[in-house]
N, C-alpha and C. Protein backbone atom coordinates (compact mmCIF):
# COMPACT_ATOMS: atom_id res chain seq x y z
N MET A 1 -36.35 -30.17 -4.47
CA MET A 1 -36.91 -31.16 -5.50
C MET A 1 -38.28 -31.56 -5.52
N ASP A 2 -38.96 -30.29 -6.22
CA ASP A 2 -40.33 -30.45 -6.79
C ASP A 2 -40.72 -31.17 -7.86
N LYS A 3 -41.92 -31.58 -8.31
CA LYS A 3 -42.17 -31.76 -9.15
C LYS A 3 -41.35 -30.86 -10.57
N SER A 4 -41.36 -29.65 -10.49
CA SER A 4 -40.65 -29.14 -11.76
C SER A 4 -39.25 -29.26 -11.70
N PHE A 5 -38.59 -29.95 -10.85
CA PHE A 5 -36.96 -30.27 -10.58
C PHE A 5 -36.98 -31.61 -11.38
N TRP A 6 -37.81 -32.42 -11.40
CA TRP A 6 -38.32 -33.76 -11.39
C TRP A 6 -38.58 -33.64 -13.03
N GLU A 7 -39.33 -32.81 -13.13
CA GLU A 7 -39.38 -32.51 -14.79
C GLU A 7 -38.64 -32.04 -15.53
N SER A 8 -37.83 -31.33 -15.23
CA SER A 8 -36.91 -30.46 -15.82
C SER A 8 -35.59 -31.81 -15.92
N ARG A 9 -34.97 -32.48 -14.80
CA ARG A 9 -34.42 -33.91 -15.33
C ARG A 9 -34.75 -34.86 -16.18
N TRP A 10 -36.08 -35.10 -16.40
CA TRP A 10 -36.44 -35.65 -17.58
C TRP A 10 -35.94 -35.21 -19.25
N GLN A 11 -36.61 -33.75 -18.78
CA GLN A 11 -36.82 -33.08 -20.03
C GLN A 11 -35.38 -33.13 -20.66
N GLU A 12 -34.51 -32.78 -19.48
CA GLU A 12 -33.05 -32.79 -20.10
C GLU A 12 -31.98 -33.91 -20.62
N LYS A 13 -32.91 -35.37 -20.19
CA LYS A 13 -32.48 -36.47 -20.17
C LYS A 13 -31.22 -36.34 -19.27
N ASN A 14 -31.42 -36.34 -18.21
CA ASN A 14 -30.39 -36.36 -16.59
C ASN A 14 -31.11 -37.45 -15.83
N THR A 15 -30.58 -38.10 -16.79
CA THR A 15 -30.99 -39.19 -15.45
C THR A 15 -29.97 -40.24 -15.11
N GLY A 16 -28.89 -40.13 -14.25
CA GLY A 16 -27.71 -40.79 -14.13
C GLY A 16 -28.32 -42.05 -13.34
N TRP A 17 -29.49 -41.83 -12.27
CA TRP A 17 -30.09 -42.94 -11.77
C TRP A 17 -30.16 -44.40 -12.77
N ASP A 18 -30.38 -44.09 -13.69
CA ASP A 18 -30.71 -45.16 -14.46
C ASP A 18 -29.79 -46.28 -15.13
N ILE A 19 -29.93 -47.39 -14.50
CA ILE A 19 -29.46 -48.69 -15.09
C ILE A 19 -29.46 -49.21 -16.78
N GLY A 20 -30.42 -48.58 -16.96
CA GLY A 20 -30.98 -49.33 -18.21
C GLY A 20 -31.44 -51.21 -17.92
N TYR A 21 -32.17 -51.44 -16.95
CA TYR A 21 -32.35 -52.62 -16.66
C TYR A 21 -32.89 -53.14 -15.27
N ALA A 22 -33.90 -53.94 -15.24
CA ALA A 22 -34.03 -53.72 -13.76
C ALA A 22 -32.81 -54.22 -12.48
N ASN A 23 -33.16 -54.00 -11.76
CA ASN A 23 -31.97 -54.32 -10.56
C ASN A 23 -32.23 -55.83 -10.42
N PRO A 24 -30.70 -56.30 -10.38
CA PRO A 24 -30.44 -57.65 -9.97
C PRO A 24 -31.50 -58.18 -8.90
N ALA A 25 -31.06 -57.57 -7.53
CA ALA A 25 -31.41 -57.82 -6.73
C ALA A 25 -33.11 -57.71 -6.30
N ILE A 26 -33.57 -56.87 -6.94
CA ILE A 26 -35.00 -57.12 -7.12
C ILE A 26 -35.42 -57.94 -7.43
N SER A 27 -34.94 -58.31 -9.03
CA SER A 27 -34.80 -59.30 -9.84
C SER A 27 -35.41 -60.73 -9.27
N ASN A 28 -34.08 -61.13 -8.39
CA ASN A 28 -34.15 -62.33 -7.61
C ASN A 28 -34.60 -62.59 -6.73
N PHE A 29 -35.18 -61.52 -5.91
CA PHE A 29 -36.41 -61.61 -4.94
C PHE A 29 -37.45 -61.93 -5.45
N MET A 30 -38.18 -61.04 -6.68
CA MET A 30 -39.28 -61.56 -7.03
C MET A 30 -39.25 -62.55 -7.70
N GLU A 31 -38.18 -63.28 -8.25
CA GLU A 31 -38.89 -64.60 -9.32
C GLU A 31 -38.79 -65.49 -8.12
N GLN A 32 -38.83 -65.24 -6.70
CA GLN A 32 -39.10 -66.34 -6.03
C GLN A 32 -40.72 -66.12 -4.93
N TYR A 33 -41.20 -64.68 -5.73
CA TYR A 33 -42.58 -64.69 -5.26
C TYR A 33 -43.96 -65.14 -5.58
N PRO A 34 -44.32 -66.05 -4.87
CA PRO A 34 -45.37 -66.95 -5.49
C PRO A 34 -46.79 -66.44 -5.95
N ASN A 35 -47.06 -64.61 -5.48
CA ASN A 35 -47.83 -64.80 -5.36
C ASN A 35 -47.94 -63.86 -6.68
N LYS A 36 -48.47 -64.31 -7.86
CA LYS A 36 -48.67 -63.11 -9.38
C LYS A 36 -49.64 -62.12 -9.34
N GLY A 37 -50.20 -62.36 -8.25
CA GLY A 37 -51.84 -61.15 -8.42
C GLY A 37 -51.47 -60.19 -7.27
N ALA A 38 -50.19 -60.34 -6.42
CA ALA A 38 -50.16 -59.32 -5.76
C ALA A 38 -49.95 -57.58 -5.89
N ALA A 39 -50.59 -57.07 -5.45
CA ALA A 39 -50.69 -55.66 -6.01
C ALA A 39 -49.34 -55.03 -5.60
N ILE A 40 -48.70 -54.57 -6.02
CA ILE A 40 -47.47 -54.03 -6.33
C ILE A 40 -47.08 -52.83 -6.72
N LEU A 41 -46.44 -51.74 -5.92
CA LEU A 41 -46.34 -50.40 -6.28
C LEU A 41 -44.58 -50.22 -6.38
N ILE A 42 -44.46 -49.53 -7.77
CA ILE A 42 -42.96 -49.06 -7.59
C ILE A 42 -42.95 -47.70 -7.93
N ALA A 43 -42.77 -46.80 -6.73
CA ALA A 43 -43.19 -45.40 -6.87
C ALA A 43 -41.39 -44.86 -7.29
N GLY A 44 -41.61 -43.75 -7.84
CA GLY A 44 -40.42 -42.90 -8.42
C GLY A 44 -40.27 -43.80 -9.32
N CYS A 45 -40.86 -44.57 -9.99
CA CYS A 45 -40.57 -45.64 -11.17
C CYS A 45 -39.51 -45.11 -12.34
N GLY A 46 -39.34 -44.33 -12.40
CA GLY A 46 -38.34 -43.58 -13.53
C GLY A 46 -38.95 -44.58 -14.79
N ASN A 47 -38.39 -45.22 -15.35
CA ASN A 47 -38.47 -46.04 -16.68
C ASN A 47 -38.96 -47.26 -16.75
N ALA A 48 -39.17 -47.99 -15.10
CA ALA A 48 -39.45 -48.85 -14.63
C ALA A 48 -39.06 -50.02 -15.12
N TYR A 49 -38.08 -50.64 -15.65
CA TYR A 49 -37.47 -51.58 -15.84
C TYR A 49 -37.78 -52.82 -14.95
N GLU A 50 -37.94 -52.75 -13.69
CA GLU A 50 -38.60 -53.90 -12.79
C GLU A 50 -40.33 -54.09 -13.17
N ALA A 51 -41.00 -53.47 -13.65
CA ALA A 51 -42.18 -53.50 -14.26
C ALA A 51 -42.05 -54.48 -15.61
N GLU A 52 -41.19 -54.53 -16.43
CA GLU A 52 -40.95 -55.08 -17.53
C GLU A 52 -40.66 -56.43 -17.16
N PHE A 53 -39.91 -56.96 -15.94
CA PHE A 53 -39.35 -57.61 -15.32
C PHE A 53 -40.52 -58.54 -14.80
N LEU A 54 -41.25 -57.88 -13.63
CA LEU A 54 -42.52 -58.62 -13.26
C LEU A 54 -43.37 -59.29 -14.55
N LEU A 55 -44.07 -58.26 -15.81
CA LEU A 55 -44.62 -58.84 -16.68
C LEU A 55 -44.33 -59.89 -17.33
N LYS A 56 -42.83 -59.76 -17.79
CA LYS A 56 -42.42 -61.03 -18.14
C LYS A 56 -42.23 -62.65 -17.37
N ASN A 57 -42.63 -61.85 -16.05
CA ASN A 57 -42.58 -63.07 -15.03
C ASN A 57 -43.93 -63.56 -14.67
N GLY A 58 -44.80 -62.88 -14.65
CA GLY A 58 -46.35 -63.39 -15.06
C GLY A 58 -47.20 -62.82 -13.84
N PHE A 59 -46.47 -61.32 -13.24
CA PHE A 59 -47.51 -60.47 -12.63
C PHE A 59 -48.30 -59.79 -13.00
N THR A 60 -49.49 -59.80 -12.44
CA THR A 60 -50.80 -59.39 -13.32
C THR A 60 -51.00 -58.02 -12.83
N ASN A 61 -50.28 -57.16 -11.53
CA ASN A 61 -51.15 -56.71 -10.77
C ASN A 61 -49.98 -55.02 -10.09
N ILE A 62 -50.03 -54.02 -11.69
CA ILE A 62 -48.22 -53.64 -11.17
C ILE A 62 -48.84 -51.75 -11.35
N THR A 63 -48.90 -51.25 -9.79
CA THR A 63 -48.85 -49.96 -10.40
C THR A 63 -47.54 -49.16 -10.25
N LEU A 64 -47.77 -48.33 -11.31
CA LEU A 64 -46.01 -47.22 -11.16
C LEU A 64 -46.34 -45.74 -11.20
N ILE A 65 -45.77 -45.14 -10.00
CA ILE A 65 -45.74 -43.65 -9.90
C ILE A 65 -44.80 -42.68 -10.11
N ASP A 66 -45.08 -41.92 -10.87
CA ASP A 66 -43.93 -40.82 -11.07
C ASP A 66 -44.58 -39.66 -10.74
N ILE A 67 -43.67 -38.69 -10.28
CA ILE A 67 -43.72 -37.34 -10.18
C ILE A 67 -43.84 -36.41 -11.34
N ALA A 68 -42.94 -36.85 -12.30
CA ALA A 68 -42.44 -36.34 -13.41
C ALA A 68 -43.45 -36.59 -14.51
N GLU A 69 -44.04 -35.62 -15.47
CA GLU A 69 -45.07 -35.72 -16.54
C GLU A 69 -44.44 -36.88 -17.82
N THR A 70 -43.04 -36.43 -18.02
CA THR A 70 -42.53 -36.83 -18.64
C THR A 70 -42.06 -38.05 -18.70
N ALA A 71 -41.73 -38.75 -17.62
CA ALA A 71 -41.62 -40.13 -17.06
C ALA A 71 -42.62 -40.83 -17.52
N VAL A 72 -43.84 -39.91 -16.66
CA VAL A 72 -45.29 -40.86 -17.16
C VAL A 72 -45.51 -41.11 -18.61
N LYS A 73 -45.54 -40.39 -19.65
CA LYS A 73 -46.02 -40.30 -20.69
C LYS A 73 -45.15 -41.01 -21.51
N ASN A 74 -43.96 -41.63 -21.15
CA ASN A 74 -42.74 -42.26 -21.33
C ASN A 74 -43.88 -43.74 -21.29
N LEU A 75 -43.45 -44.07 -20.03
CA LEU A 75 -44.42 -45.21 -19.69
C LEU A 75 -46.10 -45.22 -20.11
N GLN A 76 -46.59 -44.36 -20.28
CA GLN A 76 -47.84 -44.68 -21.19
C GLN A 76 -47.46 -45.06 -22.35
N GLU A 77 -46.85 -44.61 -22.93
CA GLU A 77 -46.37 -45.41 -24.41
C GLU A 77 -45.64 -46.66 -24.04
N LYS A 78 -44.76 -47.08 -23.30
CA LYS A 78 -43.91 -48.02 -23.39
C LYS A 78 -44.92 -49.34 -23.34
N PHE A 79 -45.93 -49.03 -21.90
CA PHE A 79 -46.92 -50.49 -21.92
C PHE A 79 -48.49 -50.04 -22.24
N LYS A 80 -48.48 -49.10 -23.49
CA LYS A 80 -49.84 -48.87 -23.79
C LYS A 80 -51.06 -50.12 -23.74
N VAL A 81 -50.25 -50.92 -24.35
CA VAL A 81 -51.20 -52.51 -24.41
C VAL A 81 -51.21 -53.54 -23.09
N GLU A 82 -50.68 -52.57 -21.68
CA GLU A 82 -50.48 -53.76 -20.75
C GLU A 82 -51.74 -53.54 -20.16
N LYS A 83 -52.65 -54.56 -19.74
CA LYS A 83 -53.63 -54.44 -18.91
C LYS A 83 -53.10 -54.47 -17.51
N SER A 84 -52.22 -54.90 -17.11
CA SER A 84 -51.72 -55.44 -15.88
C SER A 84 -50.84 -54.35 -15.02
N ILE A 85 -50.92 -52.80 -15.86
CA ILE A 85 -50.05 -52.12 -15.35
C ILE A 85 -50.89 -51.22 -14.76
N ARG A 86 -50.82 -50.26 -13.66
CA ARG A 86 -51.26 -49.00 -13.96
C ARG A 86 -50.47 -47.68 -13.88
N ILE A 87 -50.75 -46.50 -14.18
CA ILE A 87 -49.58 -45.62 -14.48
C ILE A 87 -50.23 -44.07 -13.80
N LEU A 88 -50.04 -43.66 -12.79
CA LEU A 88 -50.15 -42.72 -12.51
C LEU A 88 -49.26 -41.34 -12.36
N CYS A 89 -49.28 -40.19 -12.56
CA CYS A 89 -48.74 -39.48 -12.51
C CYS A 89 -48.86 -38.64 -10.93
N GLU A 90 -48.30 -38.77 -10.31
CA GLU A 90 -48.76 -38.44 -8.25
C GLU A 90 -47.44 -38.37 -7.24
N ASP A 91 -47.83 -37.54 -6.36
CA ASP A 91 -46.80 -37.67 -5.45
C ASP A 91 -46.69 -38.78 -4.35
N TYR A 92 -45.79 -39.39 -4.56
CA TYR A 92 -46.08 -41.03 -3.49
C TYR A 92 -46.65 -40.53 -2.20
N PHE A 93 -45.97 -39.43 -1.64
CA PHE A 93 -47.07 -38.74 -0.10
C PHE A 93 -48.23 -38.52 -0.22
N GLU A 94 -48.66 -38.25 -1.06
CA GLU A 94 -50.03 -37.73 -1.33
C GLU A 94 -51.34 -39.13 -2.17
N HIS A 95 -50.14 -40.13 -2.52
CA HIS A 95 -50.83 -41.35 -3.04
C HIS A 95 -51.71 -42.11 -1.63
N ASN A 96 -52.78 -42.49 -2.07
CA ASN A 96 -53.71 -43.40 -1.18
C ASN A 96 -54.33 -44.53 -1.82
N ASP A 97 -53.88 -45.73 -1.23
CA ASP A 97 -54.14 -46.97 -1.89
C ASP A 97 -53.64 -48.26 -1.24
N THR A 98 -53.44 -49.28 -1.66
CA THR A 98 -53.39 -50.27 -0.50
C THR A 98 -52.21 -51.20 -1.33
N TYR A 99 -51.31 -52.20 -1.14
CA TYR A 99 -50.77 -52.94 -1.58
C TYR A 99 -50.24 -53.81 -1.02
N ASP A 100 -49.52 -55.34 -1.57
CA ASP A 100 -49.09 -56.13 -1.14
C ASP A 100 -47.58 -55.91 -0.86
N VAL A 101 -46.70 -55.29 -2.01
CA VAL A 101 -45.28 -55.25 -1.90
C VAL A 101 -45.16 -53.71 -2.79
N LEU A 102 -44.09 -53.20 -2.24
CA LEU A 102 -43.66 -52.05 -2.00
C LEU A 102 -42.31 -52.10 -2.64
N ILE A 103 -42.13 -51.81 -3.97
CA ILE A 103 -40.49 -52.00 -4.65
C ILE A 103 -39.81 -50.57 -4.44
N GLU A 104 -38.44 -51.05 -4.09
CA GLU A 104 -37.55 -49.70 -3.68
C GLU A 104 -36.30 -49.38 -4.46
N GLN A 105 -36.16 -48.88 -5.33
CA GLN A 105 -35.21 -48.91 -6.55
C GLN A 105 -35.10 -47.64 -6.61
N THR A 106 -33.87 -46.69 -6.10
CA THR A 106 -33.85 -45.39 -6.18
C THR A 106 -34.46 -44.06 -5.96
N PHE A 107 -35.75 -44.32 -5.46
CA PHE A 107 -36.58 -43.80 -4.51
C PHE A 107 -36.50 -43.20 -3.31
N PHE A 108 -36.09 -43.60 -2.77
CA PHE A 108 -35.68 -43.45 -0.99
C PHE A 108 -34.44 -42.28 -1.20
N CYS A 109 -33.49 -42.73 -1.83
CA CYS A 109 -32.20 -41.77 -2.25
C CYS A 109 -32.47 -40.44 -2.90
N ALA A 110 -33.42 -40.69 -3.66
CA ALA A 110 -33.79 -39.13 -4.60
C ALA A 110 -34.53 -38.07 -3.31
N ILE A 111 -35.21 -38.56 -2.66
CA ILE A 111 -36.38 -37.34 -1.82
C ILE A 111 -35.07 -36.81 -0.65
N ASN A 112 -35.40 -35.70 -0.19
CA ASN A 112 -34.81 -34.85 0.50
C ASN A 112 -34.72 -35.77 1.89
N PRO A 113 -33.28 -36.09 2.58
CA PRO A 113 -33.32 -36.76 3.66
C PRO A 113 -34.37 -36.71 4.63
N ILE A 114 -34.75 -35.30 4.95
CA ILE A 114 -35.82 -34.85 5.77
C ILE A 114 -37.03 -35.50 5.59
N GLN A 115 -37.43 -36.35 4.99
CA GLN A 115 -38.53 -36.91 4.21
C GLN A 115 -38.59 -38.06 4.35
N ARG A 116 -37.26 -38.90 5.00
CA ARG A 116 -37.16 -40.36 4.99
C ARG A 116 -38.26 -40.69 6.46
N ALA A 117 -38.32 -40.03 7.24
CA ALA A 117 -39.00 -41.02 8.11
C ALA A 117 -40.53 -40.93 7.80
N ASP A 118 -40.71 -39.61 7.10
CA ASP A 118 -42.48 -39.71 6.32
C ASP A 118 -42.71 -41.08 5.26
N TYR A 119 -41.16 -41.13 4.92
CA TYR A 119 -41.44 -42.09 3.82
C TYR A 119 -41.56 -43.38 4.31
N ALA A 120 -41.02 -43.67 5.46
CA ALA A 120 -41.58 -45.17 6.29
C ALA A 120 -42.67 -45.15 6.53
N GLN A 121 -43.18 -43.96 7.39
CA GLN A 121 -44.53 -44.09 7.71
C GLN A 121 -45.84 -44.31 6.61
N LYS A 122 -45.07 -43.78 5.35
CA LYS A 122 -46.22 -43.55 4.08
C LYS A 122 -46.32 -45.42 3.73
N ALA A 123 -44.73 -45.87 3.45
CA ALA A 123 -44.72 -47.26 3.30
C ALA A 123 -45.92 -47.95 4.25
N HIS A 124 -45.76 -47.98 5.47
CA HIS A 124 -46.64 -48.83 6.22
C HIS A 124 -47.77 -48.30 5.89
N SER A 125 -48.64 -47.28 5.52
CA SER A 125 -49.97 -47.11 5.43
C SER A 125 -50.02 -47.40 4.40
N LEU A 126 -49.37 -47.75 2.83
CA LEU A 126 -49.96 -48.12 1.82
C LEU A 126 -49.80 -49.77 1.66
N LEU A 127 -49.26 -50.30 2.74
CA LEU A 127 -49.08 -51.76 2.58
C LEU A 127 -50.01 -52.47 3.46
N ASN A 128 -50.50 -53.59 2.97
CA ASN A 128 -51.71 -54.56 3.36
C ASN A 128 -50.95 -55.31 4.65
N ASP A 129 -52.18 -55.50 5.60
CA ASP A 129 -51.25 -56.90 6.55
C ASP A 129 -49.92 -57.26 6.14
N ASN A 130 -49.12 -57.92 6.58
CA ASN A 130 -48.38 -58.22 6.59
C ASN A 130 -47.14 -57.88 4.99
N GLY A 131 -47.65 -57.25 4.34
CA GLY A 131 -47.40 -56.28 3.39
C GLY A 131 -45.79 -56.16 3.61
N ILE A 132 -44.71 -55.66 2.11
CA ILE A 132 -43.32 -56.32 2.23
C ILE A 132 -42.59 -54.98 1.31
N LEU A 133 -42.39 -54.52 1.97
CA LEU A 133 -41.39 -53.37 1.52
C LEU A 133 -39.97 -53.48 1.32
N MET A 134 -39.63 -53.74 -0.25
CA MET A 134 -38.32 -54.68 -0.42
C MET A 134 -37.86 -53.79 -1.55
N GLY A 135 -36.21 -53.98 -1.95
CA GLY A 135 -35.26 -52.98 -2.35
C GLY A 135 -33.87 -53.01 -2.17
N VAL A 136 -33.67 -51.99 -2.81
CA VAL A 136 -31.75 -51.57 -2.28
C VAL A 136 -32.22 -49.86 -1.77
N LEU A 137 -31.07 -49.20 -1.16
CA LEU A 137 -30.63 -48.21 -0.74
C LEU A 137 -29.25 -48.21 -0.34
N PHE A 138 -29.05 -46.88 -0.76
CA PHE A 138 -27.54 -46.61 -0.59
C PHE A 138 -27.04 -46.42 0.58
N ASN A 139 -25.88 -47.42 0.81
CA ASN A 139 -25.14 -47.36 2.10
C ASN A 139 -23.66 -46.74 2.14
N ARG A 140 -23.84 -45.28 1.72
CA ARG A 140 -22.82 -44.43 1.89
C ARG A 140 -23.18 -43.02 1.62
N GLU A 141 -21.90 -42.32 1.52
CA GLU A 141 -22.67 -41.02 2.12
C GLU A 141 -21.81 -40.40 0.20
N PHE A 142 -22.10 -39.34 0.08
CA PHE A 142 -21.90 -39.13 -1.52
C PHE A 142 -20.80 -37.82 -1.39
N ASP A 143 -20.17 -37.27 -2.51
CA ASP A 143 -19.70 -36.24 -2.36
C ASP A 143 -19.67 -35.19 -2.30
N LYS A 144 -21.03 -34.84 -3.65
CA LYS A 144 -21.74 -33.86 -3.79
C LYS A 144 -22.92 -34.05 -3.22
N ALA A 145 -23.56 -33.08 -2.98
CA ALA A 145 -25.11 -32.10 -2.72
C ALA A 145 -25.35 -33.36 -3.44
N GLY A 146 -26.89 -33.53 -3.12
CA GLY A 146 -27.79 -34.61 -3.85
C GLY A 146 -28.84 -33.97 -4.51
N PRO A 147 -30.28 -34.77 -5.25
CA PRO A 147 -29.63 -36.32 -5.05
C PRO A 147 -28.62 -36.66 -6.18
N PRO A 148 -28.36 -37.91 -5.65
CA PRO A 148 -29.04 -39.06 -4.81
C PRO A 148 -28.54 -38.14 -3.60
N PHE A 149 -29.14 -38.45 -2.31
CA PHE A 149 -28.80 -38.39 -0.78
C PHE A 149 -28.21 -39.90 -0.61
N GLY A 150 -27.00 -40.12 0.31
CA GLY A 150 -26.69 -41.52 0.75
C GLY A 150 -26.90 -41.13 2.09
N GLY A 151 -26.45 -42.42 3.04
CA GLY A 151 -26.98 -42.46 4.54
C GLY A 151 -26.07 -43.52 5.07
N THR A 152 -26.34 -44.38 6.16
CA THR A 152 -26.23 -45.38 6.36
C THR A 152 -27.38 -46.44 7.29
N ALA A 153 -26.91 -47.85 7.26
CA ALA A 153 -27.99 -48.82 7.88
C ALA A 153 -28.32 -48.35 9.06
N GLU A 154 -27.50 -47.95 9.64
CA GLU A 154 -27.62 -47.15 10.93
C GLU A 154 -28.94 -46.25 11.17
N GLU A 155 -28.64 -45.22 10.26
CA GLU A 155 -29.69 -44.12 10.21
C GLU A 155 -31.24 -44.67 9.73
N TYR A 156 -31.17 -45.30 8.51
CA TYR A 156 -32.36 -45.82 8.34
C TYR A 156 -32.97 -46.74 9.39
N LEU A 157 -32.59 -47.64 10.17
CA LEU A 157 -33.29 -48.77 10.78
C LEU A 157 -33.84 -47.63 11.92
N GLU A 158 -33.31 -46.60 12.04
CA GLU A 158 -34.44 -45.71 13.19
C GLU A 158 -35.57 -45.16 12.20
N TYR A 159 -35.93 -45.01 11.03
CA TYR A 159 -36.77 -44.72 10.33
C TYR A 159 -37.72 -45.97 9.96
N PHE A 160 -37.29 -47.06 10.13
CA PHE A 160 -37.86 -48.10 9.70
C PHE A 160 -38.66 -48.94 10.66
N LYS A 161 -37.77 -49.66 11.85
CA LYS A 161 -38.17 -49.99 12.69
C LYS A 161 -39.53 -50.01 13.57
N PRO A 162 -39.60 -48.84 13.51
CA PRO A 162 -41.11 -48.20 14.09
C PRO A 162 -42.26 -49.22 13.31
N TYR A 163 -42.00 -48.99 12.05
CA TYR A 163 -43.23 -49.54 11.42
C TYR A 163 -43.41 -50.96 10.32
N PHE A 164 -41.54 -51.65 11.16
CA PHE A 164 -41.68 -52.73 10.17
C PHE A 164 -40.89 -53.42 10.79
N ASP A 165 -40.93 -55.52 10.67
CA ASP A 165 -39.91 -55.87 11.26
C ASP A 165 -38.86 -56.18 10.08
N LEU A 166 -38.20 -56.45 10.48
CA LEU A 166 -36.70 -56.85 9.78
C LEU A 166 -36.39 -58.08 9.25
N LYS A 167 -36.94 -58.21 8.03
CA LYS A 167 -36.29 -60.04 7.65
C LYS A 167 -35.04 -59.99 7.31
N ILE A 168 -34.66 -58.93 6.16
CA ILE A 168 -33.45 -59.10 5.49
C ILE A 168 -33.34 -57.05 5.46
N PHE A 169 -31.80 -56.90 6.15
CA PHE A 169 -31.34 -55.84 6.16
C PHE A 169 -29.72 -55.68 6.28
N GLU A 170 -29.24 -56.00 5.01
CA GLU A 170 -27.45 -56.37 4.83
C GLU A 170 -27.24 -55.84 3.77
N THR A 171 -25.77 -55.67 3.34
CA THR A 171 -25.26 -55.67 2.41
C THR A 171 -25.93 -56.85 1.03
N CYS A 172 -26.18 -55.42 0.09
CA CYS A 172 -26.59 -56.18 -1.15
C CYS A 172 -25.44 -56.82 -1.86
N HIS A 173 -25.51 -58.26 -2.00
CA HIS A 173 -24.49 -59.27 -3.08
C HIS A 173 -25.06 -59.26 -4.59
N SER A 174 -25.92 -58.45 -5.16
CA SER A 174 -26.34 -58.63 -6.66
C SER A 174 -26.37 -57.16 -6.96
N SER A 175 -25.70 -56.25 -6.46
CA SER A 175 -25.56 -54.93 -6.92
C SER A 175 -25.02 -54.80 -8.46
N VAL A 176 -25.39 -53.87 -9.22
CA VAL A 176 -25.02 -53.89 -10.37
C VAL A 176 -23.28 -53.31 -10.09
N PRO A 177 -22.76 -53.65 -10.81
CA PRO A 177 -21.21 -53.56 -10.86
C PRO A 177 -20.93 -52.23 -10.65
N GLN A 178 -21.19 -50.99 -10.78
CA GLN A 178 -20.89 -49.71 -10.07
C GLN A 178 -21.78 -49.10 -8.96
N ARG A 179 -22.55 -50.27 -8.22
CA ARG A 179 -22.66 -49.93 -7.22
C ARG A 179 -22.23 -51.26 -6.09
N GLN A 180 -21.42 -51.79 -6.32
CA GLN A 180 -21.26 -52.86 -5.49
C GLN A 180 -20.61 -52.40 -4.29
N GLY A 181 -20.54 -53.17 -2.84
CA GLY A 181 -20.22 -52.69 -1.62
C GLY A 181 -20.67 -51.09 -1.20
N SER A 182 -21.85 -50.44 -1.86
CA SER A 182 -22.40 -49.32 -1.64
C SER A 182 -23.99 -49.37 -1.37
N GLU A 183 -24.66 -50.81 -1.62
CA GLU A 183 -26.07 -50.77 -1.01
C GLU A 183 -26.62 -52.07 0.14
N LEU A 184 -27.54 -51.75 0.45
CA LEU A 184 -28.04 -52.24 1.32
C LEU A 184 -29.30 -53.43 0.35
N PHE A 185 -29.88 -54.69 1.12
CA PHE A 185 -30.87 -54.97 0.51
C PHE A 185 -31.99 -54.89 1.79
N ILE A 186 -32.67 -54.49 1.38
CA ILE A 186 -34.14 -54.23 2.33
C ILE A 186 -35.58 -55.41 2.17
N HIS A 187 -35.86 -56.39 3.19
CA HIS A 187 -36.76 -57.05 2.80
C HIS A 187 -37.81 -56.89 4.56
N LEU A 188 -38.67 -55.91 4.08
CA LEU A 188 -39.10 -55.37 5.67
C LEU A 188 -40.85 -55.60 5.70
N ILE A 189 -40.83 -56.68 6.44
CA ILE A 189 -42.65 -56.60 6.88
C ILE A 189 -43.36 -55.87 7.40
N LYS A 190 -44.35 -55.71 6.88
CA LYS A 190 -45.29 -54.67 8.66
C LYS A 190 -45.70 -54.76 8.95
N LYS A 191 -45.47 -54.18 10.27
CA LYS A 191 -45.86 -54.91 11.77
C LYS A 191 -47.26 -54.10 11.71
C-alpha cells in the first residue's frame, strides 16, 4: 500500500471510505474547541470534508496531507482561494512539523497494521506539548483483507498508552449510520 496503490484508488474512483461529509463525531468535538488559530493536521485527508467544516467554523491554520497526487490536486482546486489551508502531497511518516490537534478520520485503518505503533509514535512527535490526537477508529474486524484494517480497543491501547493520556477512548455515539456500533471515539493528550 504505497503511493502508487493509493494513487490508483483515486484514479479509479475507488474511495469507499468517503462518506461525503465531515464525520459528525469530529464536527461535534471541534465545534467545542475554543482555539480557532490552533495548528491542525489532517493526515490521509482524502476529500477533506473536515477541513471544509473547520473553515466554516472559523479555524485558520489547517494542514492537509495525502500521499495520492490525484487527491492533492483535487484539494488544491477545491481550496484554491483559501489562505487558511496548506495542502501537501507527503507521506505522514516523513512529515516534520508541529501541531496542536491531529484529526484522525480513516487514516489509521488505511495503513498496514504493522505500522500502527509507528503511527502513534509519529503522532506524538508531530504534536506540541499537550497536543491532542482526536477522531475515530474502527472497533471491529473486517471479513476481507484490507484496507480498511480493523482492530480492537485493547489492541489500540497498546500503541497509544506509551505516548498519550486517554481523555476519551470509548464507543462513538455519533457515528455515521453505516458505521454505528463499530467505531471508537478517541481524545488523547500528548504526554
